[in-house]
N, C-alpha and C. Protein backbone atom coordinates (compact mmCIF):
# COMPACT_ATOMS: atom_id res chain seq x y z
N MET A 1 68.31 131.04 23.11
CA MET A 1 67.26 131.08 24.12
C MET A 1 67.21 132.51 24.68
N ASN A 2 66.04 133.13 24.59
CA ASN A 2 65.92 134.48 25.13
C ASN A 2 65.53 134.45 26.61
N ARG A 3 65.56 135.59 27.22
CA ARG A 3 65.31 135.66 28.67
C ARG A 3 63.91 135.21 29.06
N GLU A 4 62.92 135.57 28.25
CA GLU A 4 61.55 135.19 28.58
C GLU A 4 61.36 133.68 28.53
N HIS A 5 61.97 133.05 27.54
CA HIS A 5 61.88 131.59 27.43
C HIS A 5 62.57 130.93 28.61
N LEU A 6 63.75 131.43 28.99
CA LEU A 6 64.47 130.89 30.14
C LEU A 6 63.67 131.10 31.42
N ARG A 7 63.08 132.29 31.57
CA ARG A 7 62.26 132.57 32.74
C ARG A 7 61.10 131.59 32.85
N ASP A 8 60.43 131.35 31.73
CA ASP A 8 59.30 130.41 31.74
C ASP A 8 59.75 129.00 32.09
N GLN A 9 60.91 128.59 31.59
CA GLN A 9 61.41 127.26 31.91
C GLN A 9 61.79 127.14 33.39
N LEU A 10 62.31 128.21 33.96
CA LEU A 10 62.69 128.18 35.37
C LEU A 10 61.49 128.36 36.29
N LEU A 11 60.47 129.02 35.82
CA LEU A 11 59.27 129.24 36.63
C LEU A 11 58.37 128.01 36.65
N GLY A 12 58.44 127.18 35.62
CA GLY A 12 57.60 125.99 35.53
C GLY A 12 57.67 125.11 36.76
N PRO A 13 58.86 124.70 37.21
CA PRO A 13 58.93 123.84 38.40
C PRO A 13 58.39 124.51 39.66
N VAL A 14 58.53 125.82 39.76
CA VAL A 14 57.98 126.53 40.92
C VAL A 14 56.46 126.42 40.92
N LEU A 15 55.86 126.60 39.75
CA LEU A 15 54.40 126.49 39.65
C LEU A 15 53.93 125.05 39.89
N GLN A 16 54.70 124.07 39.43
CA GLN A 16 54.34 122.67 39.65
C GLN A 16 54.40 122.33 41.14
N CYS A 17 55.42 122.83 41.82
CA CYS A 17 55.52 122.60 43.28
C CYS A 17 54.41 123.33 44.02
N THR A 18 54.03 124.51 43.54
CA THR A 18 52.93 125.25 44.15
C THR A 18 51.62 124.49 43.99
N ARG A 19 51.40 123.90 42.83
CA ARG A 19 50.20 123.09 42.60
C ARG A 19 50.17 121.89 43.55
N LEU A 20 51.32 121.25 43.73
CA LEU A 20 51.40 120.13 44.67
C LEU A 20 51.10 120.59 46.09
N GLY A 21 51.59 121.77 46.45
CA GLY A 21 51.30 122.31 47.78
C GLY A 21 49.82 122.59 47.99
N ARG A 22 49.16 123.10 46.96
CA ARG A 22 47.71 123.33 47.06
C ARG A 22 46.96 122.02 47.21
N GLN A 23 47.35 121.01 46.44
CA GLN A 23 46.71 119.69 46.56
C GLN A 23 46.89 119.14 47.97
N THR A 24 48.10 119.27 48.50
CA THR A 24 48.40 118.75 49.83
C THR A 24 47.59 119.49 50.89
N SER A 25 47.50 120.80 50.77
CA SER A 25 46.71 121.58 51.72
C SER A 25 45.24 121.19 51.68
N GLN A 26 44.73 121.02 50.49
CA GLN A 26 43.33 120.60 50.33
C GLN A 26 43.12 119.22 50.94
N LEU A 27 44.07 118.32 50.71
CA LEU A 27 43.98 116.97 51.26
C LEU A 27 43.98 117.01 52.79
N LEU A 28 44.83 117.82 53.37
CA LEU A 28 44.89 117.91 54.83
C LEU A 28 43.61 118.48 55.41
N ALA A 29 43.06 119.51 54.77
CA ALA A 29 41.84 120.13 55.27
C ALA A 29 40.65 119.17 55.20
N VAL A 30 40.48 118.52 54.06
CA VAL A 30 39.34 117.63 53.89
C VAL A 30 39.52 116.37 54.74
N SER A 31 40.76 115.88 54.87
CA SER A 31 41.01 114.70 55.69
C SER A 31 40.66 114.95 57.15
N SER A 32 41.02 116.12 57.65
CA SER A 32 40.69 116.41 59.05
C SER A 32 39.18 116.47 59.25
N GLU A 33 38.47 116.95 58.25
CA GLU A 33 37.00 116.98 58.31
C GLU A 33 36.43 115.56 58.35
N VAL A 34 36.97 114.67 57.52
CA VAL A 34 36.50 113.28 57.49
C VAL A 34 36.81 112.58 58.81
N VAL A 35 38.02 112.78 59.33
CA VAL A 35 38.38 112.16 60.62
C VAL A 35 37.45 112.67 61.71
N ASN A 36 37.16 113.96 61.70
CA ASN A 36 36.26 114.55 62.70
C ASN A 36 34.86 113.94 62.60
N GLN A 37 34.32 113.83 61.39
CA GLN A 37 32.98 113.27 61.22
C GLN A 37 32.92 111.81 61.64
N ARG A 38 33.93 111.04 61.25
CA ARG A 38 33.93 109.61 61.61
C ARG A 38 34.10 109.43 63.12
N THR A 39 34.95 110.22 63.73
CA THR A 39 35.16 110.11 65.18
C THR A 39 33.88 110.47 65.94
N ARG A 40 33.21 111.53 65.52
CA ARG A 40 31.95 111.91 66.19
C ARG A 40 30.90 110.82 66.06
N ARG A 41 30.83 110.21 64.88
CA ARG A 41 29.85 109.13 64.69
C ARG A 41 30.15 107.94 65.60
N LEU A 42 31.42 107.58 65.71
CA LEU A 42 31.78 106.45 66.56
C LEU A 42 31.55 106.78 68.04
N LEU A 43 31.81 108.02 68.42
CA LEU A 43 31.56 108.41 69.81
C LEU A 43 30.07 108.42 70.13
N ARG A 44 29.27 108.87 69.18
CA ARG A 44 27.81 108.88 69.39
C ARG A 44 27.23 107.48 69.43
N ALA A 45 27.93 106.53 68.82
CA ALA A 45 27.42 105.16 68.78
C ALA A 45 27.46 104.50 70.15
N GLY A 46 28.32 105.02 71.03
CA GLY A 46 28.39 104.46 72.38
C GLY A 46 29.27 103.23 72.44
N PRO A 47 29.16 102.48 73.54
CA PRO A 47 30.06 101.34 73.73
C PRO A 47 29.79 100.17 72.79
N ILE A 48 28.58 100.09 72.25
CA ILE A 48 28.25 99.00 71.33
C ILE A 48 27.85 99.63 69.98
N PRO A 49 28.80 99.72 69.06
CA PRO A 49 28.49 100.34 67.77
C PRO A 49 27.46 99.53 66.99
N GLY A 50 26.66 100.25 66.23
CA GLY A 50 25.63 99.62 65.41
C GLY A 50 26.18 99.15 64.08
N GLU A 51 25.27 98.63 63.28
CA GLU A 51 25.65 98.09 61.97
C GLU A 51 26.22 99.17 61.06
N ALA A 52 25.68 100.38 61.10
CA ALA A 52 26.16 101.47 60.25
C ALA A 52 27.61 101.84 60.59
N GLU A 53 27.92 101.83 61.90
CA GLU A 53 29.28 102.18 62.31
C GLU A 53 30.28 101.10 61.88
N TRP A 54 29.86 99.82 62.01
CA TRP A 54 30.74 98.73 61.58
C TRP A 54 30.93 98.77 60.07
N ALA A 55 29.91 99.15 59.35
CA ALA A 55 30.03 99.27 57.89
C ALA A 55 31.03 100.38 57.54
N GLU A 56 30.98 101.48 58.30
CA GLU A 56 31.93 102.59 58.08
C GLU A 56 33.36 102.15 58.39
N VAL A 57 33.54 101.39 59.45
CA VAL A 57 34.88 100.88 59.80
C VAL A 57 35.37 99.94 58.70
N ALA A 58 34.50 99.08 58.18
CA ALA A 58 34.89 98.17 57.10
C ALA A 58 35.28 98.95 55.85
N LEU A 59 34.52 100.01 55.56
CA LEU A 59 34.84 100.87 54.41
C LEU A 59 36.20 101.53 54.60
N MET A 60 36.46 102.02 55.82
CA MET A 60 37.75 102.64 56.09
C MET A 60 38.88 101.64 55.89
N ALA A 61 38.72 100.43 56.37
CA ALA A 61 39.76 99.41 56.24
C ALA A 61 40.02 99.08 54.77
N ARG A 62 38.95 98.97 53.99
CA ARG A 62 39.11 98.67 52.57
C ARG A 62 39.83 99.82 51.85
N GLU A 63 39.47 101.05 52.19
CA GLU A 63 40.10 102.23 51.58
C GLU A 63 41.59 102.31 51.91
N LYS A 64 41.95 101.86 53.11
CA LYS A 64 43.36 101.93 53.53
C LYS A 64 44.24 101.02 52.67
N VAL A 65 43.66 100.06 51.99
CA VAL A 65 44.41 99.17 51.11
C VAL A 65 44.27 99.61 49.65
N GLU A 66 43.05 99.88 49.22
CA GLU A 66 42.79 100.17 47.81
C GLU A 66 43.38 101.50 47.35
N VAL A 67 43.16 102.55 48.11
CA VAL A 67 43.57 103.89 47.67
C VAL A 67 45.09 104.02 47.58
N PRO A 68 45.86 103.55 48.56
CA PRO A 68 47.33 103.64 48.38
C PRO A 68 47.83 102.84 47.18
N LEU A 69 47.22 101.69 46.90
CA LEU A 69 47.62 100.93 45.72
C LEU A 69 47.31 101.71 44.44
N GLU A 70 46.17 102.34 44.40
CA GLU A 70 45.81 103.16 43.24
C GLU A 70 46.77 104.34 43.11
N SER A 71 47.14 104.91 44.24
CA SER A 71 48.07 106.04 44.25
C SER A 71 49.44 105.64 43.73
N VAL A 72 49.95 104.52 44.19
CA VAL A 72 51.25 104.04 43.74
C VAL A 72 51.21 103.73 42.24
N THR A 73 50.12 103.15 41.79
CA THR A 73 49.98 102.84 40.37
C THR A 73 49.97 104.12 39.54
N ALA A 74 49.27 105.13 40.01
CA ALA A 74 49.22 106.41 39.28
C ALA A 74 50.60 107.06 39.23
N MET A 75 51.34 106.99 40.33
CA MET A 75 52.68 107.58 40.34
C MET A 75 53.61 106.80 39.42
N ALA A 76 53.51 105.49 39.42
CA ALA A 76 54.37 104.69 38.55
C ALA A 76 54.06 104.97 37.08
N ALA A 77 52.78 105.10 36.77
CA ALA A 77 52.39 105.40 35.39
C ALA A 77 52.89 106.78 34.96
N ALA A 78 52.91 107.73 35.88
CA ALA A 78 53.39 109.08 35.55
C ALA A 78 54.92 109.12 35.50
N MET A 79 55.56 108.24 36.25
CA MET A 79 57.02 108.28 36.34
C MET A 79 57.69 107.75 35.07
N VAL A 80 57.10 106.80 34.42
CA VAL A 80 57.75 106.18 33.25
C VAL A 80 58.01 107.20 32.14
N PRO A 81 56.99 107.93 31.66
CA PRO A 81 57.30 108.90 30.60
C PRO A 81 58.17 110.06 31.11
N ALA A 82 58.01 110.43 32.38
CA ALA A 82 58.83 111.50 32.93
C ALA A 82 60.29 111.10 32.98
N ALA A 83 60.56 109.87 33.41
CA ALA A 83 61.95 109.39 33.45
C ALA A 83 62.53 109.29 32.05
N LEU A 84 61.72 108.84 31.10
CA LEU A 84 62.18 108.73 29.72
C LEU A 84 62.56 110.11 29.17
N ARG A 85 61.70 111.12 29.41
CA ARG A 85 62.01 112.48 28.95
C ARG A 85 63.28 113.00 29.62
N PHE A 86 63.40 112.76 30.93
CA PHE A 86 64.57 113.27 31.64
C PHE A 86 65.85 112.63 31.12
N TRP A 87 65.88 111.31 31.00
CA TRP A 87 67.10 110.65 30.56
C TRP A 87 67.43 110.98 29.11
N THR A 88 66.43 111.19 28.29
CA THR A 88 66.68 111.63 26.92
C THR A 88 67.34 112.99 26.93
N HIS A 89 66.80 113.91 27.73
CA HIS A 89 67.38 115.25 27.82
C HIS A 89 68.79 115.20 28.40
N ALA A 90 69.00 114.40 29.43
CA ALA A 90 70.32 114.30 30.06
C ALA A 90 71.34 113.75 29.08
N THR A 91 70.97 112.73 28.32
CA THR A 91 71.88 112.14 27.34
C THR A 91 72.21 113.13 26.24
N GLN A 92 71.18 113.80 25.72
CA GLN A 92 71.41 114.79 24.67
C GLN A 92 72.28 115.94 25.18
N SER A 93 72.06 116.34 26.43
CA SER A 93 72.86 117.43 27.01
C SER A 93 74.32 117.02 27.15
N MET A 94 74.56 115.78 27.62
CA MET A 94 75.95 115.32 27.77
C MET A 94 76.65 115.26 26.41
N LEU A 95 75.95 114.76 25.40
CA LEU A 95 76.54 114.70 24.06
C LEU A 95 76.82 116.10 23.52
N ALA A 96 75.88 117.01 23.72
CA ALA A 96 76.06 118.38 23.24
C ALA A 96 77.20 119.08 23.99
N LEU A 97 77.31 118.85 25.29
CA LEU A 97 78.40 119.45 26.06
C LEU A 97 79.75 118.93 25.59
N GLY A 98 79.82 117.64 25.35
CA GLY A 98 81.08 117.07 24.84
C GLY A 98 81.43 117.63 23.47
N SER A 99 80.45 117.68 22.61
CA SER A 99 80.67 118.19 21.26
C SER A 99 81.09 119.67 21.28
N ASP A 100 80.38 120.47 22.07
CA ASP A 100 80.70 121.90 22.13
C ASP A 100 82.06 122.15 22.80
N SER A 101 82.43 121.30 23.75
CA SER A 101 83.74 121.44 24.40
C SER A 101 84.86 121.13 23.42
N LEU A 102 84.69 120.05 22.65
CA LEU A 102 85.70 119.72 21.64
C LEU A 102 85.77 120.79 20.55
N SER A 103 84.61 121.32 20.19
CA SER A 103 84.56 122.38 19.19
C SER A 103 85.30 123.62 19.70
N LEU A 104 85.10 123.95 20.96
CA LEU A 104 85.77 125.11 21.54
C LEU A 104 87.29 124.90 21.57
N ALA A 105 87.69 123.69 21.91
CA ALA A 105 89.13 123.40 21.98
C ALA A 105 89.80 123.46 20.61
N SER A 106 89.04 123.27 19.55
CA SER A 106 89.63 123.28 18.21
C SER A 106 89.41 124.61 17.49
N SER A 107 89.15 125.65 18.25
CA SER A 107 88.94 126.98 17.64
C SER A 107 90.23 127.44 16.94
N ARG A 108 90.06 128.14 15.81
CA ARG A 108 91.22 128.56 15.02
C ARG A 108 91.52 130.04 15.17
N SER A 109 90.57 130.81 15.68
CA SER A 109 90.79 132.26 15.83
C SER A 109 90.04 132.76 17.06
N PRO A 110 90.39 133.96 17.52
CA PRO A 110 89.66 134.51 18.67
C PRO A 110 88.17 134.68 18.41
N ASP A 111 87.81 135.08 17.19
CA ASP A 111 86.38 135.23 16.88
C ASP A 111 85.67 133.88 16.88
N ASP A 112 86.33 132.89 16.31
CA ASP A 112 85.79 131.53 16.30
C ASP A 112 85.64 131.02 17.74
N PHE A 113 86.64 131.34 18.57
CA PHE A 113 86.59 130.93 19.98
C PHE A 113 85.39 131.55 20.69
N ARG A 114 85.14 132.85 20.46
CA ARG A 114 84.00 133.53 21.10
C ARG A 114 82.67 132.92 20.68
N VAL A 115 82.53 132.63 19.40
CA VAL A 115 81.28 132.05 18.90
C VAL A 115 81.06 130.67 19.53
N ARG A 116 82.10 129.87 19.57
CA ARG A 116 81.98 128.52 20.12
C ARG A 116 81.82 128.56 21.64
N GLN A 117 82.42 129.56 22.27
CA GLN A 117 82.24 129.70 23.73
C GLN A 117 80.80 130.06 24.05
N ALA A 118 80.18 130.91 23.25
CA ALA A 118 78.77 131.27 23.45
C ALA A 118 77.88 130.05 23.25
N ALA A 119 78.21 129.24 22.24
CA ALA A 119 77.42 128.02 22.00
C ALA A 119 77.55 127.06 23.18
N LEU A 120 78.74 126.92 23.73
CA LEU A 120 78.94 126.05 24.90
C LEU A 120 78.17 126.60 26.10
N GLY A 121 78.18 127.92 26.27
CA GLY A 121 77.43 128.52 27.37
C GLY A 121 75.94 128.25 27.26
N THR A 122 75.40 128.36 26.05
CA THR A 122 73.98 128.08 25.83
C THR A 122 73.67 126.61 26.12
N THR A 123 74.55 125.74 25.70
CA THR A 123 74.36 124.31 25.96
C THR A 123 74.39 124.02 27.46
N MET A 124 75.29 124.68 28.18
CA MET A 124 75.38 124.49 29.63
C MET A 124 74.12 124.98 30.33
N VAL A 125 73.58 126.11 29.88
CA VAL A 125 72.34 126.63 30.46
C VAL A 125 71.20 125.66 30.20
N ASN A 126 71.12 125.14 28.97
CA ASN A 126 70.06 124.18 28.65
C ASN A 126 70.17 122.92 29.50
N ALA A 127 71.39 122.45 29.74
CA ALA A 127 71.57 121.26 30.58
C ALA A 127 71.15 121.55 32.01
N ALA A 128 71.52 122.71 32.52
CA ALA A 128 71.17 123.08 33.90
C ALA A 128 69.66 123.23 34.05
N VAL A 129 69.01 123.82 33.06
CA VAL A 129 67.56 123.98 33.11
C VAL A 129 66.86 122.62 33.15
N GLY A 130 67.37 121.67 32.40
CA GLY A 130 66.79 120.32 32.42
C GLY A 130 66.88 119.69 33.79
N TRP A 131 68.00 119.87 34.46
CA TRP A 131 68.14 119.33 35.81
C TRP A 131 67.24 120.07 36.78
N PHE A 132 67.10 121.38 36.61
CA PHE A 132 66.22 122.15 37.50
C PHE A 132 64.76 121.73 37.31
N GLN A 133 64.39 121.43 36.07
CA GLN A 133 63.01 121.03 35.80
C GLN A 133 62.67 119.67 36.39
N LEU A 134 63.68 118.93 36.81
CA LEU A 134 63.44 117.65 37.45
C LEU A 134 62.61 117.81 38.72
N TYR A 135 62.77 118.95 39.41
CA TYR A 135 61.95 119.22 40.61
C TYR A 135 60.47 119.31 40.25
N GLY A 136 60.17 119.95 39.15
CA GLY A 136 58.79 120.04 38.71
C GLY A 136 58.23 118.69 38.30
N VAL A 137 59.06 117.88 37.67
CA VAL A 137 58.63 116.54 37.28
C VAL A 137 58.30 115.72 38.52
N ALA A 138 59.14 115.82 39.54
CA ALA A 138 58.88 115.10 40.79
C ALA A 138 57.58 115.58 41.42
N ALA A 139 57.32 116.88 41.36
CA ALA A 139 56.07 117.42 41.90
C ALA A 139 54.87 116.89 41.12
N ASP A 140 55.00 116.79 39.80
CA ASP A 140 53.89 116.27 38.99
C ASP A 140 53.63 114.79 39.30
N VAL A 141 54.69 114.02 39.47
CA VAL A 141 54.53 112.60 39.80
C VAL A 141 53.85 112.45 41.16
N ALA A 142 54.29 113.24 42.13
CA ALA A 142 53.67 113.20 43.46
C ALA A 142 52.21 113.66 43.38
N GLY A 143 51.94 114.66 42.55
CA GLY A 143 50.56 115.12 42.38
C GLY A 143 49.66 114.06 41.80
N GLU A 144 50.19 113.27 40.87
CA GLU A 144 49.41 112.16 40.32
C GLU A 144 49.10 111.13 41.40
N GLY A 145 50.04 110.93 42.31
CA GLY A 145 49.80 110.02 43.42
C GLY A 145 48.79 110.54 44.42
N LEU A 146 48.70 111.86 44.55
CA LEU A 146 47.73 112.45 45.47
C LEU A 146 46.31 112.46 44.93
N LYS A 147 46.17 112.45 43.62
CA LYS A 147 44.83 112.55 43.02
C LYS A 147 43.86 111.48 43.52
N PRO A 148 44.22 110.19 43.54
CA PRO A 148 43.26 109.19 44.03
C PRO A 148 42.94 109.38 45.51
N VAL A 149 43.93 109.75 46.29
CA VAL A 149 43.70 109.96 47.73
C VAL A 149 42.75 111.14 47.93
N LEU A 150 43.02 112.23 47.23
CA LEU A 150 42.17 113.42 47.36
C LEU A 150 40.75 113.12 46.88
N ARG A 151 40.62 112.40 45.77
CA ARG A 151 39.30 112.04 45.26
C ARG A 151 38.51 111.24 46.30
N GLU A 152 39.16 110.25 46.92
CA GLU A 152 38.49 109.41 47.91
C GLU A 152 38.12 110.20 49.16
N VAL A 153 39.01 111.05 49.60
CA VAL A 153 38.73 111.85 50.81
C VAL A 153 37.57 112.81 50.55
N LYS A 154 37.54 113.43 49.38
CA LYS A 154 36.43 114.33 49.05
C LYS A 154 35.11 113.56 48.98
N ALA A 155 35.16 112.37 48.39
CA ALA A 155 33.95 111.55 48.31
C ALA A 155 33.47 111.17 49.71
N ASN A 156 34.39 110.82 50.59
CA ASN A 156 34.03 110.50 51.97
C ASN A 156 33.42 111.71 52.68
N ALA A 157 34.02 112.87 52.49
CA ALA A 157 33.50 114.08 53.14
C ALA A 157 32.09 114.38 52.67
N THR A 158 31.85 114.24 51.38
CA THR A 158 30.52 114.49 50.82
C THR A 158 29.51 113.48 51.35
N ARG A 159 29.90 112.22 51.36
CA ARG A 159 29.01 111.16 51.82
C ARG A 159 28.70 111.32 53.32
N LEU A 160 29.71 111.59 54.12
CA LEU A 160 29.50 111.72 55.56
C LEU A 160 28.72 112.98 55.94
N ALA A 161 28.86 114.01 55.14
CA ALA A 161 28.14 115.26 55.42
C ALA A 161 26.63 115.08 55.21
N LYS A 162 26.23 114.14 54.37
CA LYS A 162 24.81 113.92 54.10
C LYS A 162 24.12 113.18 55.24
N ARG A 163 24.87 112.55 56.10
CA ARG A 163 24.27 111.75 57.18
C ARG A 163 23.96 112.60 58.38
């Protein structure tokens, strides 16, 4: 593994977390806009809200149930292949570490020892990179969960802005 490849593997989770941060920021900004628009409409309606305001409240109540369920489903769907990839990598890393450790212990010469020590070092770096990439996987799973919420909030903002 060369330095550029290692750098790219270590930078991946940082970029995935950055993407999640951008999604979250966008969600917060658009959500505050929707809350502001809905609050102003309800305040303008006065003490006896009209049919349009009650329809908006009913829509909000329905969204509070449907969208989180869709979000959880999206995260669960994203988690299954991610967990499978992670556990496959973890198992392969443990087997490789065991094999390389036994190989190092059975070295017959100093040169053989150096070669096997380098192989064990590479295996250890690969195992550590896999664990580090778990942060990026978690960010991707969370991002999949945010997608339905962000989609719904944007749709609400667009719809409410037209009124």
